[in-house]
Amino acid sequence: MFAQPLVPFGNSLVLSFLLAASPIFVTLIMMGVLRRPAWQATLGGLIIGLVMAVTVWKLPVSLAFASITNGMVFSFLPVMWIALSALFLFNIATQTGRFDAFRMWIIKHLPNDRRVMLVVLGFCFSAALEGVAGFGTPVAITSALLIMLGFPALEALTYVLIFNSAPVAFGGLGIPITVLSSITGLPAPVLGSTIGLQLAPFACLIPFYVVALYAGWRSIKQLWPVLLVAGGSFALTMVLVSTYISYNLSNVLSSSVSLVVTILFLKVWSPAPDAAYAIDAAHLTQAPAKAGAWQGPHWQGWIPWIVVILVVIVWDTLHLSKIGATPVHWPGLDKQVFISLYQKPYAAIWNFEPLGTGTAIFVSAILTALLTGASAKQFSAALVTTAKQGWLAVITVALTIGLAFLMNYSGMTYTLGYGVASTGVLFPLVSVFLGWIAVFLTGSDTSGNALFGNLQVAAAHQLSLDPVLFASANSAGGVMGKMISPQNITTGVAVTSLKGQEGVVLARTFKHSIFLTLLMGLVVVFQQYVLR
């Protein structure tokens, strides 16, 4: 059995930490500085990671390749199966005219102001999609909608990526928190309540923050009532639901309440018209209809999104994902590695779930096709378009999660965690960056919690700090890494004109990711040293 070394290089934690971080540095530099496509950047990171794992951490080559293949298989099922199914739903909506109908409904029922559209769609609507799908698809779908309303592709994608931070911890019906509880042994309702309190200030802040980036402080003065309603209703509902009802429903209910309340509020209040942010006349008309194309009422644009939310909730309530679920002990890897930090063997179990969330979303797409009367030609066109949009994202995500698994099983990730946990009194400030690193690598707050949840608890016990607070900080800090994850960005650009320009997107979001993670660190410091 291979035992992971925590300080493998020169008996120096600092040098070992830097070498462990080298694959991350390479990926960030290639994407953000050299502006290489995400698949090239993640391939570069994977190559460096493989060299470090084998030569410095002394991971046997057979275990190295077993861990990479395990990660790549996991990247497709469940990760990209969810993303591809959601993209297929989006393309069904597009092919049947319902996506353009949704755009026209928004134009008809909201003020003619791109700033308002950005908040309602980029924050409220995107959060609702995050609650059921995640893995970058809310970013792809919402940014495509904003582009149809006249936003430049880079602006639309950047702002939606930033908006997509607050809902992530409760995404997928709260699965990140369920995993965090199972890993740490801490009660899930308490974790959910704590994370809700940690993220509430950011839910209020994010609409103000993004509108300030997009349109400046003058627009804050003009729009503050609707920004407060959108962010405040989301934050208040999130705290109430995660504390008193169920963390599983926190994001779905929070985003739904925020979306409905904000739209209703805009019926009685609207900002003063500002010609600088009015939607161009070219985007106010319905897309030209093809011969025989559907030309029905605009309210039918809601059908795909209502269907997917209802199906996923029912699917989860009936536990349909458990049917046929089979744990696969990965050959040549399962319990062949000893985690020195936790003093236990490292399991390698791939949970094969043929009826998982991805299948639920795929069923939603089929139901949407039936309800909207999609023809065989439209259905096949949606499938072909999804394949064209998604193949590069599949490769990129496979490389990214392959690297994440390699770093996990070699011990490189645990060296990073051990280094951060050794900061002593500064740990409450930097602990959030553990979650940030994990979500950057895996693109998933769920995986980030599985990776570092236990480490946060162990460090908290050693430093006589609150373990619940720091397990929660791992998840809350991780959501800020979502906006720079190659997986999230690659899926997001799939439906835009920015394919191959993931580095440009990363360069736009990176500083905001760091800034917001630091703010989250200050929230954790306040909770630990002032409120307790």
Protein backbone atom coordinates (compact mmCIF):
# COMPACT_ATOMS: atom_id res chain seq x y z
CA MET A 1 0.00 0.00 0.00
CA PHE A 2 1.31 3.44 -0.98
CA ALA A 3 1.51 5.85 1.98
CA GLN A 4 1.12 9.49 1.01
CA PRO A 5 4.05 11.69 2.10
CA LEU A 6 2.91 15.06 3.43
CA VAL A 7 6.30 16.78 3.17
CA PRO A 8 8.07 14.92 0.36
CA PHE A 9 10.61 17.51 -0.78
CA GLY A 10 13.66 18.42 1.30
CA ASN A 11 11.73 18.06 4.55
CA SER A 12 10.36 21.54 3.76
CA LEU A 13 6.63 22.18 4.00
CA VAL A 14 6.96 25.45 2.06
CA LEU A 15 8.78 23.86 -0.88
CA SER A 16 6.50 20.83 -0.84
CA PHE A 17 3.48 23.15 -0.81
CA LEU A 18 4.77 25.08 -3.83
CA LEU A 19 5.47 21.89 -5.78
CA ALA A 20 2.03 20.55 -4.90
CA ALA A 21 0.50 23.79 -6.18
CA SER A 22 2.52 23.75 -9.44
CA PRO A 23 -0.20 22.04 -11.55
CA ILE A 24 -2.65 24.73 -10.42
CA PHE A 25 -0.16 27.49 -11.21
CA VAL A 26 0.50 26.03 -14.66
CA THR A 27 -3.21 25.77 -15.44
CA LEU A 28 -3.91 29.33 -14.27
CA ILE A 29 -0.93 30.80 -16.13
CA MET A 30 -1.71 28.98 -19.37
CA MET A 31 -5.36 30.03 -19.25
CA GLY A 32 -5.19 33.49 -17.67
CA VAL A 33 -1.82 34.81 -18.89
CA LEU A 34 -0.98 32.88 -22.06
CA ARG A 35 -4.70 32.73 -22.96
CA ARG A 36 -4.57 29.14 -24.11
CA PRO A 37 -7.81 27.18 -24.54
CA ALA A 38 -8.95 25.43 -21.37
CA TRP A 39 -8.26 21.92 -22.69
CA GLN A 40 -4.62 22.86 -23.39
CA ALA A 41 -4.21 24.53 -20.00
CA THR A 42 -5.67 21.59 -18.10
CA LEU A 43 -3.59 19.15 -20.16
CA GLY A 44 -0.50 21.16 -19.20
CA GLY A 45 -1.52 21.02 -15.55
CA LEU A 46 -2.14 17.28 -15.79
CA ILE A 47 1.31 16.64 -17.30
CA ILE A 48 3.02 18.66 -14.57
CA GLY A 49 0.89 16.93 -11.95
CA LEU A 50 1.84 13.51 -13.29
CA VAL A 51 5.55 14.38 -13.21
CA MET A 52 5.29 15.70 -9.64
CA ALA A 53 3.18 12.77 -8.42
CA VAL A 54 5.57 10.14 -9.78
CA THR A 55 8.95 11.82 -9.14
CA VAL A 56 8.41 13.85 -5.94
CA TRP A 57 5.51 12.11 -4.18
CA LYS A 58 6.75 8.72 -5.49
CA LEU A 59 3.29 7.54 -6.50
CA PRO A 60 3.61 4.27 -8.46
CA VAL A 61 2.86 4.78 -12.15
CA SER A 62 0.08 2.18 -12.10
CA LEU A 63 -1.71 4.04 -9.29
CA ALA A 64 -1.18 7.35 -11.07
CA PHE A 65 -2.91 6.20 -14.23
CA ALA A 66 -5.61 4.36 -12.25
CA SER A 67 -6.45 7.58 -10.39
CA ILE A 68 -6.53 9.62 -13.61
CA THR A 69 -8.87 7.15 -15.35
CA ASN A 70 -11.09 7.01 -12.26
CA GLY A 71 -11.39 10.78 -12.37
CA MET A 72 -12.09 10.83 -16.09
CA VAL A 73 -14.89 8.28 -15.79
CA PHE A 74 -16.37 10.24 -12.88
CA SER A 75 -16.15 13.38 -15.03
CA PHE A 76 -18.56 11.89 -17.53
CA LEU A 77 -20.96 10.17 -15.16
CA PRO A 78 -22.35 11.99 -13.30
CA VAL A 79 -20.72 15.37 -14.04
CA MET A 80 -20.93 15.87 -17.80
CA TRP A 81 -24.04 13.71 -18.12
CA ILE A 82 -25.80 16.40 -16.08
CA ALA A 83 -24.26 19.22 -18.13
CA LEU A 84 -24.96 17.61 -21.52
CA SER A 85 -28.55 16.79 -20.55
CA ALA A 86 -29.11 20.41 -19.51
CA LEU A 87 -27.58 21.63 -22.78
CA PHE A 88 -29.90 19.25 -24.62
CA LEU A 89 -32.88 20.75 -22.78
CA PHE A 90 -31.65 24.21 -23.80
CA ASN A 91 -31.38 23.13 -27.44
CA ILE A 92 -34.87 21.60 -27.38
CA ALA A 93 -36.13 24.95 -26.13
CA THR A 94 -34.23 26.73 -28.89
CA GLN A 95 -35.31 24.39 -31.69
CA THR A 96 -38.99 24.61 -30.70
CA GLY A 97 -38.96 28.40 -30.41
CA ARG A 98 -39.58 28.37 -26.66
CA PHE A 99 -36.23 29.94 -25.82
CA ASP A 100 -37.00 32.96 -28.00
CA ALA A 101 -40.53 32.98 -26.54
CA PHE A 102 -38.97 33.16 -23.07
CA ARG A 103 -36.83 36.10 -24.21
CA MET A 104 -39.90 37.87 -25.54
CA TRP A 105 -41.81 37.22 -22.29
CA ILE A 106 -38.95 38.81 -20.35
CA ILE A 107 -38.87 41.80 -22.69
CA LYS A 108 -42.63 42.29 -22.37
CA HIS A 109 -42.83 41.97 -18.58
CA LEU A 110 -39.64 43.72 -17.45
CA PRO A 111 -38.49 47.34 -17.86
CA ASN A 112 -36.48 48.08 -20.98
CA ASP A 113 -33.22 48.23 -19.05
CA ARG A 114 -30.29 45.86 -19.55
CA ARG A 115 -29.21 46.32 -15.92
CA VAL A 116 -32.54 45.02 -14.67
CA MET A 117 -32.40 42.14 -17.16
CA LEU A 118 -28.92 41.29 -15.89
CA VAL A 119 -30.13 40.98 -12.29
CA VAL A 120 -33.35 39.07 -13.02
CA LEU A 121 -31.77 36.62 -15.43
CA GLY A 122 -28.13 36.51 -14.36
CA PHE A 123 -28.91 36.23 -10.65
CA CYS A 124 -32.49 35.02 -10.01
CA PHE A 125 -33.08 32.79 -13.03
CA SER A 126 -29.53 31.39 -13.11
CA ALA A 127 -29.80 30.49 -9.42
CA ALA A 128 -32.98 28.53 -10.11
CA LEU A 129 -31.16 26.50 -12.76
CA GLU A 130 -28.22 25.97 -10.39
CA GLY A 131 -30.62 24.43 -7.91
CA VAL A 132 -31.40 21.54 -10.24
CA ALA A 133 -28.49 21.27 -12.68
CA GLY A 134 -25.24 23.09 -11.93
CA PHE A 135 -21.87 22.08 -13.46
CA GLY A 136 -21.75 25.22 -15.64
CA THR A 137 -25.04 24.78 -17.46
CA PRO A 138 -26.86 27.66 -15.67
CA VAL A 139 -24.01 29.89 -16.85
CA ALA A 140 -24.28 28.63 -20.43
CA ILE A 141 -28.07 28.95 -20.65
CA THR A 142 -28.34 32.33 -18.92
CA SER A 143 -25.43 33.94 -20.78
CA ALA A 144 -26.97 32.77 -24.09
CA LEU A 145 -30.19 34.50 -23.09
CA LEU A 146 -28.39 37.72 -22.18
CA ILE A 147 -26.53 37.66 -25.49
CA MET A 148 -29.91 37.47 -27.26
CA LEU A 149 -30.82 40.65 -25.36
CA GLY A 150 -27.79 42.50 -26.69
CA PHE A 151 -25.04 41.83 -24.16
CA PRO A 152 -21.56 41.20 -25.57
CA ALA A 153 -20.66 37.53 -25.05
CA LEU A 154 -17.69 38.20 -22.75
CA GLU A 155 -19.68 40.55 -20.51
CA ALA A 156 -22.64 38.17 -20.30
CA LEU A 157 -20.48 35.20 -19.38
CA THR A 158 -18.32 37.10 -16.88
CA TYR A 159 -21.22 38.57 -14.93
CA VAL A 160 -23.20 35.33 -14.82
CA LEU A 161 -20.12 33.47 -13.55
CA ILE A 162 -19.85 35.97 -10.68
CA PHE A 163 -23.59 35.76 -9.99
CA ASN A 164 -23.32 31.96 -9.94
CA SER A 165 -21.37 31.98 -6.67
CA ALA A 166 -24.03 32.45 -3.98
CA PRO A 167 -26.37 29.57 -5.00
CA VAL A 168 -23.68 26.89 -5.46
CA ALA A 169 -23.43 25.58 -1.88
CA PHE A 170 -27.10 24.53 -1.97
CA GLY A 171 -27.11 23.47 -5.64
CA GLY A 172 -28.39 20.13 -6.85
CA LEU A 173 -30.96 19.97 -4.01
CA GLY A 174 -28.29 20.44 -1.34
CA ILE A 175 -26.04 17.56 -2.35
CA PRO A 176 -22.80 19.48 -1.41
CA ILE A 177 -24.02 19.71 2.18
CA THR A 178 -25.21 16.11 2.25
CA VAL A 179 -21.72 15.00 1.20
CA LEU A 180 -20.04 17.35 3.68
CA SER A 181 -22.11 15.85 6.49
CA SER A 182 -21.33 12.28 5.48
CA ILE A 183 -17.60 13.03 5.26
CA THR A 184 -17.29 14.91 8.56
CA GLY A 185 -19.97 13.20 10.65
CA LEU A 186 -21.44 16.60 11.52
CA PRO A 187 -25.23 17.06 11.37
CA ALA A 188 -26.35 18.22 7.94
CA PRO A 189 -29.11 20.58 9.21
CA VAL A 190 -26.57 22.44 11.38
CA LEU A 191 -24.10 22.67 8.50
CA GLY A 192 -26.85 23.91 6.19
CA SER A 193 -27.92 26.59 8.66
CA THR A 194 -24.34 27.76 9.19
CA ILE A 195 -23.58 27.92 5.47
CA GLY A 196 -26.81 29.81 4.90
CA LEU A 197 -25.73 32.44 7.43
CA GLN A 198 -22.26 32.65 5.87
CA LEU A 199 -23.58 33.15 2.35
CA ALA A 200 -26.49 35.48 3.22
CA PRO A 201 -24.39 38.69 3.15
CA PHE A 202 -23.01 37.69 -0.25
CA ALA A 203 -26.45 36.95 -1.64
CA CYS A 204 -27.36 40.55 -0.74
CA LEU A 205 -24.05 41.93 -2.00
CA ILE A 206 -23.75 40.16 -5.36
CA PRO A 207 -26.49 42.09 -7.26
CA PHE A 208 -24.97 45.40 -6.12
CA TYR A 209 -21.45 44.20 -6.88
CA VAL A 210 -22.17 43.04 -10.43
CA VAL A 211 -24.28 46.07 -11.37
CA ALA A 212 -21.47 48.31 -10.10
CA LEU A 213 -19.02 46.41 -12.33
CA TYR A 214 -21.31 46.63 -15.31
CA ALA A 215 -22.77 50.11 -15.03
CA GLY A 216 -20.95 52.00 -12.26
CA TRP A 217 -22.03 53.50 -8.96
CA ARG A 218 -24.51 55.88 -10.57
CA SER A 219 -26.59 52.86 -11.51
CA ILE A 220 -26.53 51.64 -7.90
CA LYS A 221 -28.27 54.86 -6.91
CA GLN A 222 -30.84 54.34 -9.67
CA LEU A 223 -31.46 50.65 -9.08
CA TRP A 224 -30.89 50.04 -5.37
CA PRO A 225 -34.54 49.15 -4.59
CA VAL A 226 -34.68 46.26 -7.06
CA LEU A 227 -31.15 45.15 -6.16
CA LEU A 228 -32.17 45.01 -2.51
CA VAL A 229 -35.36 43.11 -3.32
CA ALA A 230 -33.54 40.54 -5.50
CA GLY A 231 -30.62 39.95 -3.16
CA GLY A 232 -32.52 40.45 0.08
CA SER A 233 -35.37 38.09 -0.78
CA PHE A 234 -32.87 35.43 -1.86
CA ALA A 235 -30.77 35.81 1.31
CA LEU A 236 -33.72 35.91 3.71
CA THR A 237 -35.38 32.86 2.13
CA MET A 238 -32.07 30.98 2.13
CA VAL A 239 -31.55 31.60 5.85
CA LEU A 240 -35.13 30.72 6.79
CA VAL A 241 -35.31 27.58 4.65
CA SER A 242 -31.83 26.26 5.54
CA THR A 243 -32.50 26.88 9.25
CA TYR A 244 -36.15 26.00 9.74
CA ILE A 245 -37.31 23.87 6.78
CA SER A 246 -34.71 21.86 4.82
CA TYR A 247 -31.33 22.72 3.38
CA ASN A 248 -32.19 20.48 0.39
CA LEU A 249 -34.81 22.97 -0.78
CA SER A 250 -32.87 26.09 0.16
CA ASN A 251 -31.59 27.07 -3.28
CA VAL A 252 -34.68 26.04 -5.23
CA LEU A 253 -36.99 28.01 -2.93
CA SER A 254 -34.62 30.96 -2.50
CA SER A 255 -34.16 31.45 -6.24
CA SER A 256 -37.86 30.90 -6.97
CA VAL A 257 -38.92 33.43 -4.32
CA SER A 258 -36.30 35.91 -5.51
CA LEU A 259 -37.39 35.52 -9.15
CA VAL A 260 -41.12 35.87 -8.44
CA VAL A 261 -40.78 38.69 -5.89
CA THR A 262 -38.41 40.67 -8.11
CA ILE A 263 -40.67 40.39 -11.16
CA LEU A 264 -43.72 41.39 -9.08
CA PHE A 265 -41.80 44.29 -7.55
CA LEU A 266 -40.94 45.54 -11.04
CA LYS A 267 -44.68 45.69 -11.75
CA VAL A 268 -45.07 48.46 -9.17
CA TRP A 269 -41.62 50.07 -9.36
CA SER A 270 -39.23 50.60 -12.23
CA PRO A 271 -36.08 52.69 -12.58
CA ALA A 272 -36.12 55.95 -14.46
CA PRO A 273 -35.54 55.27 -18.17
CA ASP A 274 -31.89 55.50 -19.14
CA ALA A 275 -31.19 55.48 -22.86
CA ALA A 276 -27.62 54.24 -22.24
CA TYR A 277 -28.99 50.90 -21.00
CA ALA A 278 -32.07 50.51 -23.16
CA ILE A 279 -32.17 47.33 -25.21
CA ASP A 280 -31.43 47.97 -28.87
CA ALA A 281 -34.50 47.82 -31.10
CA ALA A 282 -32.95 44.94 -33.07
CA HIS A 283 -33.24 42.72 -29.99
CA LEU A 284 -36.83 43.65 -29.14
CA THR A 285 -38.44 41.68 -31.93
CA GLN A 286 -39.13 37.98 -32.14
CA ALA A 287 -36.67 35.91 -34.16
CA PRO A 288 -37.75 35.51 -37.80
CA ALA A 289 -39.94 32.46 -38.08
CA LYS A 290 -38.95 29.61 -40.37
CA ALA A 291 -41.61 28.07 -42.57
CA GLY A 292 -43.96 26.06 -40.39
CA ALA A 293 -42.23 27.23 -37.16
CA TRP A 294 -44.19 27.56 -33.92
CA GLN A 295 -45.52 31.07 -33.23
CA GLY A 296 -47.50 30.68 -30.03
CA PRO A 297 -47.91 32.67 -26.80
CA HIS A 298 -44.77 33.84 -25.02
CA TRP A 299 -45.71 32.29 -21.68
CA GLN A 300 -44.83 28.91 -23.17
CA GLY A 301 -41.18 29.97 -22.94
CA TRP A 302 -41.40 28.96 -19.28
CA ILE A 303 -42.28 25.33 -20.08
CA PRO A 304 -38.72 23.90 -20.27
CA TRP A 305 -37.62 25.49 -16.98
CA ILE A 306 -40.76 24.66 -15.00
CA VAL A 307 -40.64 21.07 -16.28
CA VAL A 308 -37.00 20.51 -15.28
CA ILE A 309 -37.47 21.99 -11.80
CA LEU A 310 -40.57 19.88 -11.11
CA VAL A 311 -39.08 16.68 -12.53
CA VAL A 312 -35.84 16.99 -10.55
CA ILE A 313 -37.70 17.72 -7.31
CA VAL A 314 -40.04 14.74 -7.82
CA TRP A 315 -37.10 12.57 -8.90
CA ASP A 316 -35.24 13.42 -5.70
CA THR A 317 -38.33 13.04 -3.50
CA LEU A 318 -39.00 9.53 -4.84
CA HIS A 319 -35.28 8.61 -4.63
CA LEU A 320 -35.35 7.34 -8.21
CA SER A 321 -31.58 7.79 -8.50
CA LYS A 322 -31.15 4.87 -6.08
CA ILE A 323 -32.71 2.44 -8.56
CA GLY A 324 -29.95 0.43 -10.20
CA ALA A 325 -27.23 2.35 -8.37
CA THR A 326 -24.09 0.24 -8.11
CA PRO A 327 -20.85 1.08 -6.25
CA VAL A 328 -17.84 0.12 -8.37
CA HIS A 329 -14.61 -0.43 -6.45
CA TRP A 330 -12.05 0.95 -8.87
CA PRO A 331 -9.67 -1.87 -9.83
CA GLY A 332 -6.06 -1.35 -8.88
CA LEU A 333 -6.80 1.78 -6.85
CA ASP A 334 -9.43 1.12 -4.18
CA LYS A 335 -7.72 1.05 -0.75
CA GLN A 336 -4.28 0.86 -2.35
CA VAL A 337 -3.35 4.29 -0.96
CA PHE A 338 -2.97 5.24 2.71
CA ILE A 339 -3.98 8.82 3.61
CA SER A 340 -1.27 9.82 6.09
CA LEU A 341 -3.14 12.96 7.14
CA TYR A 342 -6.26 11.03 8.15
CA GLN A 343 -4.54 7.73 9.02
CA LYS A 344 -6.86 5.56 6.92
CA PRO A 345 -6.93 3.78 3.56
CA TYR A 346 -8.22 5.79 0.60
CA ALA A 347 -11.31 4.25 -0.98
CA ALA A 348 -11.82 4.56 -4.73
CA ILE A 349 -15.49 3.89 -5.37
CA TRP A 350 -17.28 5.11 -8.48
CA ASN A 351 -21.01 5.28 -7.85
CA PHE A 352 -22.68 4.18 -11.07
CA GLU A 353 -26.17 5.74 -11.05
CA PRO A 354 -27.98 5.18 -14.35
CA LEU A 355 -30.99 7.10 -13.01
CA GLY A 356 -29.06 9.98 -11.45
CA THR A 357 -29.76 13.70 -11.83
CA GLY A 358 -28.45 13.76 -15.40
CA THR A 359 -31.07 11.21 -16.41
CA ALA A 360 -33.76 13.26 -14.66
CA ILE A 361 -32.78 16.30 -16.71
CA PHE A 362 -32.67 14.22 -19.89
CA VAL A 363 -36.20 12.99 -19.14
CA SER A 364 -37.17 16.65 -18.63
CA ALA A 365 -35.84 17.43 -22.11
CA ILE A 366 -37.90 14.59 -23.62
CA LEU A 367 -41.02 15.75 -21.75
CA THR A 368 -40.39 19.30 -22.95
CA ALA A 369 -40.10 18.02 -26.52
CA LEU A 370 -43.44 16.22 -26.16
CA LEU A 371 -45.19 19.16 -24.49
CA THR A 372 -43.94 21.60 -27.13
CA GLY A 373 -44.69 19.30 -30.07
CA ALA A 374 -41.10 19.03 -31.25
CA SER A 375 -40.73 17.29 -34.59
CA ALA A 376 -38.30 14.45 -35.20
CA LYS A 377 -36.14 16.88 -37.19
CA GLN A 378 -36.04 19.39 -34.31
CA PHE A 379 -35.29 16.64 -31.80
CA SER A 380 -32.38 15.26 -33.84
CA ALA A 381 -31.08 18.78 -34.52
CA ALA A 382 -31.01 19.44 -30.77
CA LEU A 383 -29.01 16.23 -30.23
CA VAL A 384 -26.49 17.13 -32.94
CA THR A 385 -26.09 20.68 -31.66
CA THR A 386 -25.55 19.42 -28.11
CA ALA A 387 -22.82 17.07 -29.31
CA LYS A 388 -21.09 19.90 -31.18
CA GLN A 389 -21.30 22.22 -28.18
CA GLY A 390 -20.28 19.67 -25.60
CA TRP A 391 -17.49 17.49 -26.99
CA LEU A 392 -14.69 19.94 -26.13
CA ALA A 393 -16.17 20.56 -22.69
CA VAL A 394 -16.19 16.79 -22.09
CA ILE A 395 -12.48 16.59 -22.90
CA THR A 396 -11.62 19.61 -20.75
CA VAL A 397 -13.58 18.38 -17.76
CA ALA A 398 -12.07 14.90 -18.08
CA LEU A 399 -8.56 16.40 -17.98
CA THR A 400 -9.46 18.69 -15.06
CA ILE A 401 -11.02 16.01 -12.86
CA GLY A 402 -8.34 13.52 -13.89
CA LEU A 403 -5.79 15.99 -12.48
CA ALA A 404 -7.88 16.45 -9.33
CA PHE A 405 -8.00 12.70 -8.68
CA LEU A 406 -4.28 12.36 -9.39
CA MET A 407 -3.50 15.08 -6.85
CA ASN A 408 -5.85 13.46 -4.33
CA TYR A 409 -4.41 9.96 -4.50
CA SER A 410 -0.75 11.03 -4.76
CA GLY A 411 -1.11 13.18 -1.63
CA MET A 412 -0.41 16.50 -3.36
CA THR A 413 -3.82 17.86 -2.38
CA TYR A 414 -3.30 16.83 1.24
CA THR A 415 0.07 18.57 1.26
CA LEU A 416 -1.73 21.73 0.20
CA GLY A 417 -4.30 21.25 2.95
CA TYR A 418 -1.65 20.43 5.53
CA GLY A 419 0.20 23.62 4.61
CA VAL A 420 -2.88 25.79 4.96
CA ALA A 421 -3.89 24.09 8.22
CA SER A 422 -0.41 24.89 9.60
CA THR A 423 -1.03 28.64 9.50
CA GLY A 424 -2.23 28.62 13.11
CA VAL A 425 -3.95 31.84 14.11
CA LEU A 426 -4.40 32.82 10.46
CA PHE A 427 -6.29 29.63 9.68
CA PRO A 428 -9.78 31.21 10.06
CA LEU A 429 -8.84 33.67 7.31
CA VAL A 430 -7.19 31.25 4.90
CA SER A 431 -9.37 28.18 5.50
CA VAL A 432 -11.83 29.35 2.85
CA PHE A 433 -9.05 29.04 0.27
CA LEU A 434 -8.96 25.29 0.84
CA GLY A 435 -12.48 25.09 -0.50
CA TRP A 436 -11.52 27.56 -3.22
CA ILE A 437 -8.63 25.33 -4.38
CA ALA A 438 -10.79 22.20 -4.34
CA VAL A 439 -13.60 23.74 -6.38
CA PHE A 440 -11.13 25.24 -8.84
CA LEU A 441 -9.73 21.75 -9.41
CA THR A 442 -12.97 19.79 -9.53
CA GLY A 443 -15.52 22.42 -10.59
CA SER A 444 -17.83 21.10 -7.87
CA ASP A 445 -18.58 22.26 -4.34
CA THR A 446 -19.66 18.67 -3.65
CA SER A 447 -16.23 17.32 -4.57
CA GLY A 448 -14.54 20.16 -2.70
CA ASN A 449 -16.39 19.20 0.46
CA ALA A 450 -15.48 15.55 0.02
CA LEU A 451 -11.85 16.53 -0.44
CA PHE A 452 -11.20 18.97 2.40
CA GLY A 453 -14.19 18.72 4.74
CA ASN A 454 -12.40 16.38 7.14
CA LEU A 455 -9.21 18.41 7.02
CA GLN A 456 -11.07 21.55 8.07
CA VAL A 457 -12.62 19.70 11.02
CA ALA A 458 -9.29 18.18 12.08
CA ALA A 459 -7.53 21.55 11.93
CA ALA A 460 -10.34 23.21 13.87
CA HIS A 461 -10.03 20.63 16.66
CA GLN A 462 -6.25 21.09 16.81
CA LEU A 463 -6.65 24.87 17.08
CA SER A 464 -9.63 24.70 19.51
CA LEU A 465 -11.92 26.29 16.92
CA ASP A 466 -15.50 25.46 15.98
CA PRO A 467 -15.48 22.41 13.64
CA VAL A 468 -18.97 23.15 12.25
CA LEU A 469 -17.91 26.67 11.33
CA PHE A 470 -14.84 25.52 9.40
CA ALA A 471 -16.50 22.60 7.67
CA SER A 472 -19.07 25.17 6.52
CA ALA A 473 -16.30 27.59 5.53
CA ASN A 474 -14.93 24.95 3.18
CA SER A 475 -18.21 24.92 1.27
CA ALA A 476 -18.84 28.67 1.45
CA GLY A 477 -15.28 29.47 0.35
CA GLY A 478 -15.48 26.89 -2.39
CA VAL A 479 -18.35 28.62 -4.15
CA MET A 480 -16.07 31.57 -4.88
CA GLY A 481 -13.76 29.26 -6.82
CA LYS A 482 -16.60 28.20 -9.10
CA MET A 483 -16.24 31.26 -11.32
CA ILE A 484 -12.65 30.38 -12.26
CA SER A 485 -13.01 26.60 -12.57
CA PRO A 486 -11.98 25.41 -16.06
CA GLN A 487 -14.93 23.02 -15.97
CA ASN A 488 -17.44 25.78 -15.27
CA ILE A 489 -15.94 28.21 -17.78
CA THR A 490 -15.68 25.61 -20.54
CA THR A 491 -19.30 24.55 -20.16
CA GLY A 492 -20.29 28.20 -20.01
CA VAL A 493 -18.61 29.13 -23.30
CA ALA A 494 -20.10 26.09 -25.08
CA VAL A 495 -23.10 28.03 -26.40
CA THR A 496 -21.33 31.34 -27.05
CA SER A 497 -18.83 32.69 -29.58
CA LEU A 498 -16.04 32.41 -26.99
CA LYS A 499 -14.97 28.79 -27.58
CA GLY A 500 -11.22 28.56 -27.19
CA GLN A 501 -11.12 31.85 -25.27
CA GLU A 502 -11.58 30.45 -21.79
CA GLY A 503 -8.37 32.21 -20.73
CA VAL A 504 -9.90 35.58 -21.52
CA VAL A 505 -12.88 34.72 -19.32
CA LEU A 506 -10.61 33.50 -16.51
CA ALA A 507 -8.62 36.73 -16.64
CA ARG A 508 -11.85 38.70 -16.21
CA THR A 509 -13.15 36.68 -13.25
CA PHE A 510 -9.97 35.80 -11.34
CA LYS A 511 -9.56 39.02 -9.35
CA HIS A 512 -13.22 38.95 -8.34
CA SER A 513 -12.85 35.36 -7.20
CA ILE A 514 -9.89 36.25 -4.98
CA PHE A 515 -11.58 39.37 -3.59
CA LEU A 516 -14.83 37.62 -2.72
CA THR A 517 -12.97 34.69 -1.15
CA LEU A 518 -11.06 37.12 1.06
CA LEU A 519 -14.34 38.72 2.10
CA MET A 520 -15.68 35.28 2.97
CA GLY A 521 -12.55 34.70 5.05
CA LEU A 522 -13.29 37.87 6.99
CA VAL A 523 -16.85 36.65 7.60
CA VAL A 524 -15.45 33.42 9.06
CA VAL A 525 -13.00 35.36 11.25
CA PHE A 526 -15.91 37.49 12.51
CA GLN A 527 -18.02 34.40 13.22
CA GLN A 528 -15.20 32.67 15.09
CA TYR A 529 -13.71 35.51 17.12
CA VAL A 530 -16.62 37.95 17.56
CA LEU A 531 -19.86 35.97 17.49
CA ARG A 532 -18.56 32.96 19.48
